[in-house]
Amino acid sequence: MEYAVIMAGGTGKRLWPLSRETRPKQVLKLLDGQTLLRKCYERLKPIFDVRNIIVLTNAGYRDVVLENLAELPFDNVIAEPVVRDTAGAIGLAAAVLSKYDSNATMVVLTADQVIRPEEVLQQAIKDAIRWVNKNPDSLITFGIRPTFPSTQLGYIKLDKSTKCADCSNEIYKVESFTEKPELKVAEEYFKSGRYCWNSGMFVWKARTILREIYHSLPAARKPLEMIQSSWDGPAGEQQLREWFPAMPKISIDFAVMEKSQNVSAIMLDCQWLDMGSFAALADIISSDSNNNIVVAGRSEVLDCKDSILITEDENHLIAAIGLEKMVVVHSPDATLVCPIDEAERLKELIELIRQHGNERFL
C-alpha cells in the first residue's frame, strides 16, 4: 500500500516573531489564510486516503499539528521526543510502516514548501510510485528545474533517463549530489542543463530505505528495531523516548542518498520555494505598485517601497510611512523591525533574546 509522510518538525527561526518554539512555521497562516502544513496536506488528498497520510513532528508540536489537521487520525501524528534530523525521522516512519505493511511504499514530503502548479507534483508522485512498485530497490528523489544559479540550494547531477511505462515523467539516474556550490560553479550547473535543485522529497519502499539506513548508519539499527518491536504496545512511548535519542543526528542526504547506487530522480518543472525566510514571501505573494509585500487584514502604507509588512491579526492595523527595504512583523507580544538585508541575522537576535532572559518570547 502507498503512504504519504509529511515531515513537519522545523522551527523556522528566520520567521520570528511569528514562528515560536511552540508554534512552528508550518502552521503560520501566511498563504491566503492557510498554513503551509494544510497546503501540503491538501496536495496529497487527491492521491492518498486520509488514513494513509502520516505527519512526523516534534513532541512539542503534536497538539498544534492535530489542531491544524483536525480530520487526521490521532495516531497518524508521530511525535519525535528529540530532533535527530531527516535520517532519524525517515527511519522512524519507515520502521513503523514496515511493521504493519512489509510492502509499504513511502512518499516523503516536507511541510514548509510552496509548489505550483500542484498537478505537476501530483503526477510526479504517481509516476514515482509506479516506478518504485516495479523497481523496489530504487530510491526516487524529486529535483526542481533551476530558474537561476542559486548558491543556497543543493544540486543533483542527472545521468541518462529511462522511460517508465504508463508514466508522464522520465526517470533519470542520479550521478552525484553537491551541497550549496560557489556562484561560479552554480552558474556552470545552470548552463549545463544536467543539474536540478535538490527538493528534499522522496519515494521508496519502507523496507528499502530501512535497509539503506542500516547499511550506512549501523548505529541506527538497534534504536529503530527496539522502537519498531514495541510500537503500539504498552511500552511503546517509553521505548521511543529511550531509544530515539540514540539515533545518529544526520540528514538522509548525507547518510544515504549521496552513498547509494540506487538513486534515481524525476525533474519537476514548476514553481518551488522552501519557505525559510520573510524575503521568500516575495516569490509567492503579489506585491503592490511600490513592490511592498503586505500580509495584513488592515493596512495603510504611505510612501513605502521594497518592504515587507506582516501581521496575522485581522483586527490589527499595520501602518507605515517612508519605509524602504524594511521588514516589519507584528505578533501579539513581539514586533520585529529590521532592514531586509539584515534579516538573515535573526538567529543572532534570538540568541541575544535568550541571553537576556526573555525566553518567553521565543
Protein backbone atom coordinates (compact mmCIF):
# COMPACT_ATOMS: atom_id res chain seq x y z
CA MET A 1 0.00 0.00 0.00
CA GLU A 2 1.07 3.61 -0.54
CA TYR A 3 1.57 6.11 2.29
CA ALA A 4 2.43 9.81 2.43
CA VAL A 5 4.75 11.04 5.17
CA ILE A 6 4.88 14.79 5.85
CA MET A 7 7.95 15.97 7.75
CA ALA A 8 6.81 18.90 9.89
CA GLY A 9 9.39 19.31 12.62
CA GLY A 10 11.20 22.52 11.63
CA THR A 11 11.03 25.55 13.92
CA GLY A 12 11.60 28.35 11.41
CA LYS A 13 13.76 30.72 13.45
CA ARG A 14 14.09 33.06 10.46
CA LEU A 15 10.34 33.72 10.69
CA TRP A 16 10.38 35.02 14.29
CA PRO A 17 8.32 36.55 15.93
CA LEU A 18 5.54 34.72 14.06
CA SER A 19 7.19 31.32 14.46
CA ARG A 20 7.95 30.24 18.03
CA GLU A 21 9.27 27.19 19.83
CA THR A 22 5.66 26.13 20.39
CA ARG A 23 4.33 27.43 17.06
CA PRO A 24 6.47 26.35 14.09
CA LYS A 25 6.50 28.00 10.68
CA GLN A 26 4.41 25.26 9.05
CA VAL A 27 1.32 26.38 10.99
CA LEU A 28 1.61 30.10 10.22
CA LYS A 29 -1.32 31.42 8.18
CA LEU A 30 0.62 33.32 5.54
CA LEU A 31 -0.87 31.83 2.36
CA ASP A 32 -4.42 33.03 1.73
CA GLY A 33 -5.27 32.34 5.36
CA GLN A 34 -3.96 28.77 5.14
CA THR A 35 -0.89 27.20 6.68
CA LEU A 36 1.99 25.54 4.86
CA LEU A 37 1.08 22.26 6.58
CA ARG A 38 -2.53 22.47 5.40
CA LYS A 39 -1.38 23.29 1.85
CA CYS A 40 0.90 20.24 1.83
CA TYR A 41 -1.87 18.03 3.19
CA GLU A 42 -4.34 19.27 0.56
CA ARG A 43 -1.83 18.45 -2.20
CA LEU A 44 -1.81 14.84 -1.04
CA LYS A 45 -5.55 14.28 -0.53
CA PRO A 46 -6.31 13.59 -4.23
CA ILE A 47 -3.81 10.70 -4.14
CA PHE A 48 -3.98 9.21 -0.65
CA ASP A 49 -6.68 8.13 1.75
CA VAL A 50 -6.52 10.31 4.87
CA ARG A 51 -5.79 7.17 6.90
CA ASN A 52 -2.57 6.76 4.89
CA ILE A 53 -1.24 10.28 5.48
CA ILE A 54 1.24 10.50 8.37
CA VAL A 55 2.82 13.59 9.89
CA LEU A 56 6.22 13.47 11.59
CA THR A 57 6.79 16.30 14.03
CA ASN A 58 8.43 17.23 17.32
CA ALA A 59 6.73 16.16 20.55
CA GLY A 60 6.01 19.80 21.38
CA TYR A 61 4.13 20.32 18.12
CA ARG A 62 1.76 17.34 18.23
CA ASP A 63 -1.22 19.35 19.52
CA VAL A 64 -0.79 22.23 17.08
CA VAL A 65 -0.49 19.78 14.17
CA LEU A 66 -3.66 17.98 15.20
CA GLU A 67 -5.42 21.32 15.60
CA ASN A 68 -4.38 22.30 12.07
CA LEU A 69 -5.35 18.91 10.59
CA ALA A 70 -8.35 18.04 12.71
CA GLU A 71 -9.52 15.30 10.37
CA LEU A 72 -6.23 13.39 10.66
CA PRO A 73 -6.41 10.32 12.96
CA PHE A 74 -4.58 10.95 16.25
CA ASP A 75 -2.22 8.01 15.75
CA ASN A 76 -1.19 9.36 12.33
CA VAL A 77 0.89 12.04 14.03
CA ILE A 78 4.24 10.60 15.08
CA ALA A 79 5.97 12.80 17.63
CA GLU A 80 9.76 12.62 17.92
CA PRO A 81 10.97 13.14 21.50
CA VAL A 82 14.16 14.88 20.28
CA VAL A 83 15.38 16.28 16.96
CA ARG A 84 17.53 13.81 15.02
CA ASP A 85 17.43 15.34 11.51
CA THR A 86 15.82 13.72 8.49
CA ALA A 87 17.59 10.34 8.63
CA GLY A 88 16.17 9.72 12.10
CA ALA A 89 12.70 10.97 11.19
CA ILE A 90 12.50 8.93 7.99
CA GLY A 91 13.94 5.87 9.68
CA LEU A 92 11.29 6.11 12.39
CA ALA A 93 8.45 6.39 9.88
CA ALA A 94 9.85 3.51 7.80
CA ALA A 95 10.18 1.29 10.88
CA VAL A 96 6.58 1.95 11.90
CA LEU A 97 5.14 1.42 8.41
CA SER A 98 7.11 -1.72 7.64
CA LYS A 99 5.95 -3.31 10.90
CA TYR A 100 2.36 -3.36 9.65
CA ASP A 101 2.92 -3.43 5.88
CA SER A 102 6.02 -5.23 4.63
CA ASN A 103 5.44 -3.86 1.13
CA ALA A 104 4.71 -0.25 2.13
CA THR A 105 5.66 2.47 -0.36
CA MET A 106 6.58 5.81 1.26
CA VAL A 107 6.20 9.25 -0.29
CA VAL A 108 8.15 11.74 1.84
CA LEU A 109 7.39 15.47 1.59
CA THR A 110 8.24 18.45 3.79
CA ALA A 111 5.60 20.80 5.19
CA ASP A 112 7.44 24.07 4.54
CA GLN A 113 7.49 24.15 0.74
CA VAL A 114 5.33 26.02 -1.77
CA ILE A 115 4.77 24.16 -5.05
CA ARG A 116 2.80 25.47 -8.03
CA PRO A 117 1.09 24.12 -10.01
CA GLU A 118 0.26 21.29 -7.65
CA GLU A 119 -0.67 18.98 -10.53
CA VAL A 120 2.99 18.76 -11.58
CA LEU A 121 3.98 17.29 -8.22
CA GLN A 122 0.90 15.07 -8.03
CA GLN A 123 1.68 13.49 -11.41
CA ALA A 124 5.32 13.01 -10.42
CA ILE A 125 4.25 11.28 -7.18
CA LYS A 126 2.03 8.88 -9.15
CA ASP A 127 4.85 8.14 -11.58
CA ALA A 128 7.38 7.60 -8.79
CA ILE A 129 5.03 5.18 -7.03
CA ARG A 130 4.62 3.19 -10.26
CA TRP A 131 8.39 3.06 -10.73
CA VAL A 132 9.17 2.03 -7.15
CA ASN A 133 6.46 -0.63 -7.14
CA LYS A 134 8.11 -2.15 -10.23
CA ASN A 135 11.67 -1.47 -9.04
CA PRO A 136 11.53 -1.97 -5.24
CA ASP A 137 15.26 -1.39 -4.68
CA SER A 138 15.09 2.07 -6.22
CA LEU A 139 15.22 5.34 -4.26
CA ILE A 140 13.47 8.19 -6.04
CA THR A 141 14.16 11.85 -5.34
CA PHE A 142 12.45 14.85 -6.90
CA GLY A 143 14.65 17.51 -8.47
CA ILE A 144 13.49 21.01 -9.40
CA ARG A 145 14.43 22.52 -12.75
CA PRO A 146 16.60 25.53 -11.77
CA THR A 147 15.46 29.02 -12.70
CA PHE A 148 18.70 30.75 -11.66
CA PRO A 149 22.19 29.74 -10.38
CA SER A 150 21.41 29.52 -6.65
CA THR A 151 24.24 29.19 -4.13
CA GLN A 152 21.83 28.42 -1.26
CA LEU A 153 20.47 25.11 -2.55
CA GLY A 154 21.86 21.63 -3.11
CA TYR A 155 22.15 20.23 -6.64
CA ILE A 156 21.57 16.82 -8.21
CA LYS A 157 23.51 15.82 -11.33
CA LEU A 158 21.39 13.76 -13.71
CA ASP A 159 22.66 10.96 -15.92
CA LYS A 160 20.75 9.13 -18.66
CA SER A 161 16.99 8.81 -18.47
CA THR A 162 14.69 5.81 -18.74
CA LYS A 163 11.11 5.87 -19.95
CA CYS A 164 8.69 4.45 -17.41
CA ALA A 165 5.66 2.61 -18.80
CA ASP A 166 2.41 4.43 -18.01
CA CYS A 167 4.38 7.41 -16.66
CA SER A 168 4.33 11.01 -17.84
CA ASN A 169 7.80 11.74 -16.45
CA GLU A 170 11.16 10.26 -17.37
CA ILE A 171 13.23 8.63 -14.65
CA TYR A 172 16.84 9.84 -14.52
CA LYS A 173 19.74 8.00 -12.97
CA VAL A 174 21.42 10.25 -10.39
CA GLU A 175 25.15 10.66 -10.90
CA SER A 176 26.02 12.82 -7.87
CA PHE A 177 24.92 15.36 -5.26
CA THR A 178 26.52 18.74 -4.49
CA GLU A 179 25.77 20.97 -1.49
CA LYS A 180 25.47 24.76 -1.94
CA PRO A 181 28.15 25.43 -4.58
CA GLU A 182 30.02 28.71 -5.08
CA LEU A 183 28.50 31.12 -7.60
CA LYS A 184 30.84 30.22 -10.46
CA VAL A 185 30.07 26.52 -10.04
CA ALA A 186 26.34 27.20 -9.72
CA GLU A 187 26.45 29.17 -12.98
CA GLU A 188 28.14 26.22 -14.73
CA TYR A 189 25.49 23.85 -13.36
CA PHE A 190 22.70 26.15 -14.51
CA LYS A 191 24.07 26.45 -18.04
CA SER A 192 24.72 22.72 -18.46
CA GLY A 193 21.08 21.66 -18.13
CA ARG A 194 22.17 18.45 -16.39
CA TYR A 195 21.60 19.64 -12.85
CA CYS A 196 18.48 20.27 -10.80
CA TRP A 197 17.85 21.59 -7.31
CA ASN A 198 17.54 19.05 -4.52
CA SER A 199 13.96 19.35 -3.20
CA GLY A 200 14.24 17.00 -0.21
CA MET A 201 11.21 14.97 -1.39
CA PHE A 202 11.44 11.21 -1.91
CA VAL A 203 9.63 7.99 -2.82
CA TRP A 204 10.79 4.47 -1.85
CA LYS A 205 9.79 1.21 -0.22
CA ALA A 206 9.87 1.43 3.57
CA ARG A 207 11.88 -1.78 3.78
CA THR A 208 14.36 -0.47 1.19
CA ILE A 209 15.14 2.79 2.96
CA LEU A 210 15.46 0.90 6.25
CA ARG A 211 17.97 -1.45 4.65
CA GLU A 212 19.92 1.52 3.27
CA ILE A 213 19.90 3.30 6.65
CA TYR A 214 21.10 0.17 8.46
CA HIS A 215 23.90 -0.22 5.89
CA SER A 216 25.09 3.40 6.03
CA LEU A 217 24.29 4.04 9.70
CA PRO A 218 24.83 0.81 11.65
CA ALA A 219 24.25 2.73 14.90
CA ALA A 220 20.64 3.33 13.83
CA ARG A 221 19.69 -0.35 13.63
CA LYS A 222 19.21 -1.18 17.31
CA PRO A 223 17.27 2.00 18.21
CA LEU A 224 14.89 1.56 15.27
CA GLU A 225 14.44 -2.17 15.86
CA MET A 226 13.68 -1.59 19.54
CA ILE A 227 11.17 1.16 18.71
CA GLN A 228 9.58 -0.97 15.99
CA SER A 229 9.18 -4.04 18.18
CA SER A 230 7.30 -2.15 20.90
CA TRP A 231 5.33 0.25 18.71
CA ASP A 232 1.63 0.41 19.61
CA GLY A 233 2.27 -1.66 22.72
CA PRO A 234 2.13 -0.62 26.38
CA ALA A 235 5.86 0.20 26.39
CA GLY A 236 5.82 1.96 23.01
CA GLU A 237 6.11 5.55 24.21
CA GLN A 238 8.74 4.66 26.78
CA GLN A 239 10.85 2.82 24.19
CA LEU A 240 10.53 5.75 21.79
CA ARG A 241 11.73 8.21 24.44
CA GLU A 242 14.55 5.88 25.47
CA TRP A 243 15.86 4.80 22.08
CA PHE A 244 15.19 7.61 19.63
CA PRO A 245 17.83 9.92 21.20
CA ALA A 246 20.39 7.23 20.35
CA MET A 247 19.78 7.78 16.62
CA PRO A 248 22.67 9.47 14.77
CA LYS A 249 21.90 13.13 14.04
CA ILE A 250 22.36 13.39 10.27
CA SER A 251 20.35 14.19 7.17
CA ILE A 252 19.08 11.46 4.87
CA ASP A 253 21.05 13.05 2.02
CA PHE A 254 24.40 12.72 3.78
CA ALA A 255 23.56 9.38 5.38
CA VAL A 256 22.08 7.54 2.41
CA MET A 257 21.36 9.40 -0.82
CA GLU A 258 24.92 10.52 -1.53
CA LYS A 259 26.24 6.99 -0.95
CA SER A 260 23.63 4.73 -2.50
CA GLN A 261 23.97 3.37 -6.03
CA ASN A 262 20.21 3.00 -6.42
CA VAL A 263 19.14 6.65 -6.59
CA SER A 264 17.01 7.97 -9.46
CA ALA A 265 15.22 11.27 -9.95
CA ILE A 266 12.22 12.89 -11.53
CA MET A 267 12.68 16.52 -12.57
CA LEU A 268 9.83 18.87 -11.72
CA ASP A 269 9.25 21.87 -13.93
CA CYS A 270 7.31 24.07 -11.51
CA GLN A 271 7.48 26.98 -9.10
CA TRP A 272 9.12 25.68 -5.93
CA LEU A 273 10.03 27.55 -2.81
CA ASP A 274 11.45 26.47 0.53
CA MET A 275 9.68 28.89 2.89
CA GLY A 276 12.64 29.70 5.09
CA SER A 277 12.56 33.49 5.42
CA PHE A 278 10.36 36.57 5.12
CA ALA A 279 12.13 37.55 1.91
CA ALA A 280 10.85 34.33 0.34
CA LEU A 281 7.32 35.75 0.51
CA ALA A 282 8.20 37.97 -2.45
CA ASP A 283 8.18 34.89 -4.67
CA ILE A 284 4.68 33.75 -3.72
CA ILE A 285 2.69 36.85 -2.70
CA SER A 286 1.85 39.65 -5.15
CA SER A 287 3.42 43.00 -4.31
CA ASP A 288 1.81 46.42 -4.58
CA SER A 289 2.79 49.11 -7.09
CA ASN A 290 5.83 50.03 -4.96
CA ASN A 291 7.00 46.44 -4.57
CA ASN A 292 5.80 46.11 -0.97
CA ILE A 293 4.68 42.73 0.35
CA VAL A 294 1.79 43.28 2.75
CA VAL A 295 0.19 40.40 4.66
CA ALA A 296 -2.45 42.02 6.86
CA GLY A 297 -6.19 42.24 7.21
CA ARG A 298 -5.90 46.01 7.65
CA SER A 299 -3.01 48.18 6.49
CA GLU A 300 -2.12 51.72 5.48
CA VAL A 301 1.16 52.17 3.64
CA LEU A 302 2.36 55.67 2.72
CA ASP A 303 5.43 56.31 0.54
CA CYS A 304 6.97 52.91 1.31
CA LYS A 305 8.78 50.69 -1.19
CA ASP A 306 10.52 47.32 -1.35
CA SER A 307 9.34 46.49 2.18
CA ILE A 308 7.63 43.57 3.92
CA LEU A 309 4.80 44.23 6.40
CA ILE A 310 3.11 41.31 8.17
CA THR A 311 0.54 40.64 10.85
CA GLU A 312 -1.70 37.59 11.27
CA ASP A 313 -4.12 39.53 13.48
CA GLU A 314 -7.06 40.51 11.27
CA ASN A 315 -8.11 43.18 13.79
CA HIS A 316 -4.69 44.82 13.98
CA LEU A 317 -3.95 47.80 11.72
CA ILE A 318 -0.38 47.83 10.44
CA ALA A 319 0.62 51.31 9.22
CA ALA A 320 3.93 52.63 7.89
CA ILE A 321 5.39 55.81 6.39
CA GLY A 322 8.51 56.18 4.26
CA LEU A 323 9.96 52.72 4.73
CA GLU A 324 12.43 51.38 2.17
CA LYS A 325 13.75 47.80 2.14
CA MET A 326 12.48 47.14 5.66
CA VAL A 327 10.78 44.21 7.40
CA VAL A 328 8.06 44.90 9.97
CA VAL A 329 6.42 41.84 11.56
CA HIS A 330 3.76 42.15 14.27
CA SER A 331 2.71 39.44 16.70
CA PRO A 332 0.61 39.74 19.89
CA ASP A 333 3.65 40.03 22.19
CA ALA A 334 6.62 40.93 19.99
CA THR A 335 7.41 43.06 16.94
CA LEU A 336 10.36 42.75 14.58
CA VAL A 337 11.77 45.77 12.71
CA CYS A 338 14.88 45.36 10.59
CA PRO A 339 16.35 46.07 7.14
CA ILE A 340 15.62 43.27 4.67
CA ASP A 341 19.36 42.81 4.12
CA GLU A 342 19.83 42.15 7.86
CA ALA A 343 17.01 39.61 8.23
CA GLU A 344 19.46 36.72 7.89
CA ARG A 345 20.80 37.72 11.35
CA LEU A 346 17.59 36.66 13.09
CA LYS A 347 19.31 33.68 14.70
CA GLU A 348 21.79 36.08 16.33
CA LEU A 349 18.91 38.20 17.62
CA ILE A 350 17.11 35.16 19.01
CA GLU A 351 20.25 34.12 20.87
CA LEU A 352 20.52 37.66 22.31
CA ILE A 353 16.89 37.48 23.48
CA ARG A 354 17.68 34.17 25.15
CA GLN A 355 20.82 35.53 26.85
CA HIS A 356 18.84 38.43 28.32
CA GLY A 357 16.34 36.10 29.97
CA ASN A 358 13.45 36.72 27.60
CA GLU A 359 12.83 33.08 26.63
CA ARG A 360 9.07 33.57 26.98
CA PHE A 361 9.15 35.50 23.71
CA LEU A 362 10.76 32.59 21.87
